[in-house]
Amino acid sequence: MVAGPALAQDDFGSMVAVSGEVVVVGKPGVARGPATLYRYQKSATGGWVLAGTMSVPGTAAAGQQWSPSL
């Protein structure tokens, strides 16, 4: 599973929720951008396909992170 262009230390995957054939992976928000949730659906061939994203606006002070609860 890939969240598009990854940035060093963006913490993609620091939050994960699994329910059946759906996985939601989170990336915390930092001073440079919003927190983002990535929804993956298991395909008929057994792989995982990015089915959607949701960005959650917010702000964090420099050097801090915040995230929505999964």
C-alpha atoms as a PDB file:
ATOM      1  CA  MET A   1       0.000   0.000   0.000  1.00  0.00           C
ATOM      2  CA  VAL A   2       1.366   3.359  -1.017  1.00  0.00           C
ATOM      3  CA  ALA A   3       0.027   6.822  -0.223  1.00  0.00           C
ATOM      4  CA  GLY A   4       1.277   8.606  -3.316  1.00  0.00           C
ATOM      5  CA  PRO A   5       4.532  10.523  -3.062  1.00  0.00           C
ATOM      6  CA  ALA A   6       5.871   9.733   0.396  1.00  0.00           C
ATOM      7  CA  LEU A   7       7.809  12.287   2.378  1.00  0.00           C
ATOM      8  CA  ALA A   8      10.534  11.390   4.837  1.00  0.00           C
ATOM      9  CA  GLN A   9       9.066  10.991   8.317  1.00  0.00           C
ATOM     10  CA  ASP A  10       5.439  11.562   7.211  1.00  0.00           C
ATOM     11  CA  ASP A  11       4.363   8.617   9.445  1.00  0.00           C
ATOM     12  CA  PHE A  12       2.075   7.007   6.838  1.00  0.00           C
ATOM     13  CA  GLY A  13       0.709   3.890   8.544  1.00  0.00           C
ATOM     14  CA  SER A  14       0.993   5.144  12.112  1.00  0.00           C
ATOM     15  CA  MET A  15      -2.775   4.490  12.419  1.00  0.00           C
ATOM     16  CA  VAL A  16      -4.443   1.422  10.861  1.00  0.00           C
ATOM     17  CA  ALA A  17      -7.987   0.033  11.088  1.00  0.00           C
ATOM     18  CA  VAL A  18      -9.090  -3.226   9.418  1.00  0.00           C
ATOM     19  CA  SER A  19     -12.638  -4.458   8.882  1.00  0.00           C
ATOM     20  CA  GLY A  20     -13.148  -7.427   6.576  1.00  0.00           C
ATOM     21  CA  GLU A  21     -11.867  -6.439   3.138  1.00  0.00           C
ATOM     22  CA  VAL A  22     -11.405  -2.743   3.962  1.00  0.00           C
ATOM     23  CA  VAL A  23      -8.275  -1.157   5.449  1.00  0.00           C
ATOM     24  CA  VAL A  24      -8.002   2.490   6.501  1.00  0.00           C
ATOM     25  CA  VAL A  25      -4.469   3.838   6.907  1.00  0.00           C
ATOM     26  CA  GLY A  26      -3.758   7.192   8.502  1.00  0.00           C
ATOM     27  CA  LYS A  27      -1.055   9.804   8.175  1.00  0.00           C
ATOM     28  CA  PRO A  28      -0.961  12.423  10.967  1.00  0.00           C
ATOM     29  CA  GLY A  29      -1.233  16.114  10.251  1.00  0.00           C
ATOM     30  CA  VAL A  30       1.784  18.308  10.829  1.00  0.00           C
ATOM     31  CA  ALA A  31       2.558  21.995  10.475  1.00  0.00           C
ATOM     32  CA  ARG A  32       2.972  21.476   6.700  1.00  0.00           C
ATOM     33  CA  GLY A  33      -0.394  19.820   6.010  1.00  0.00           C
ATOM     34  CA  PRO A  34      -3.621  18.113   7.075  1.00  0.00           C
ATOM     35  CA  ALA A  35      -4.042  14.618   8.459  1.00  0.00           C
ATOM     36  CA  THR A  36      -5.079  12.196   5.716  1.00  0.00           C
ATOM     37  CA  LEU A  37      -6.942   8.883   5.797  1.00  0.00           C
ATOM     38  CA  TYR A  38      -6.463   6.392   2.933  1.00  0.00           C
ATOM     39  CA  ARG A  39      -9.163   3.744   2.333  1.00  0.00           C
ATOM     40  CA  TYR A  40      -8.081   0.527   0.583  1.00  0.00           C
ATOM     41  CA  GLN A  41     -10.396  -2.201  -0.707  1.00  0.00           C
ATOM     42  CA  LYS A  42      -9.286  -5.782  -1.366  1.00  0.00           C
ATOM     43  CA  SER A  43      -9.580  -6.567  -5.084  1.00  0.00           C
ATOM     44  CA  ALA A  44     -10.876  -9.758  -6.703  1.00  0.00           C
ATOM     45  CA  THR A  45      -7.251 -10.769  -7.390  1.00  0.00           C
ATOM     46  CA  GLY A  46      -6.293 -10.390  -3.712  1.00  0.00           C
ATOM     47  CA  GLY A  47      -4.359  -7.119  -3.977  1.00  0.00           C
ATOM     48  CA  TRP A  48      -5.241  -3.832  -2.302  1.00  0.00           C
ATOM     49  CA  VAL A  49      -6.617  -0.896  -4.303  1.00  0.00           C
ATOM     50  CA  LEU A  50      -6.810   2.701  -3.094  1.00  0.00           C
ATOM     51  CA  ALA A  51     -10.567   3.359  -2.960  1.00  0.00           C
ATOM     52  CA  GLY A  52     -10.528   6.899  -1.579  1.00  0.00           C
ATOM     53  CA  THR A  53      -8.916   9.487   0.649  1.00  0.00           C
ATOM     54  CA  MET A  54     -10.144  12.004   3.176  1.00  0.00           C
ATOM     55  CA  SER A  55      -8.113  14.962   4.415  1.00  0.00           C
ATOM     56  CA  VAL A  56      -8.914  16.362   7.830  1.00  0.00           C
ATOM     57  CA  PRO A  57      -7.939  20.025   8.166  1.00  0.00           C
ATOM     58  CA  GLY A  58      -6.150  21.198  11.255  1.00  0.00           C
ATOM     59  CA  THR A  59      -2.948  22.763  12.384  1.00  0.00           C
ATOM     60  CA  ALA A  60      -0.028  21.722  14.532  1.00  0.00           C
ATOM     61  CA  ALA A  61       2.833  23.725  15.921  1.00  0.00           C
ATOM     62  CA  ALA A  62       6.250  23.171  14.366  1.00  0.00           C
ATOM     63  CA  GLY A  63       7.623  19.806  15.474  1.00  0.00           C
ATOM     64  CA  GLN A  64       4.218  18.490  16.614  1.00  0.00           C
ATOM     65  CA  GLN A  65       1.639  16.202  14.995  1.00  0.00           C
ATOM     66  CA  TRP A  66      -2.080  15.614  15.392  1.00  0.00           C
ATOM     67  CA  SER A  67      -4.399  12.923  14.056  1.00  0.00           C
ATOM     68  CA  PRO A  68      -8.058  11.932  13.960  1.00  0.00           C
ATOM     69  CA  SER A  69      -9.082   8.779  15.832  1.00  0.00           C
ATOM     70  CA  LEU A  70      -9.748   5.692  13.747  1.00  0.00           C
END
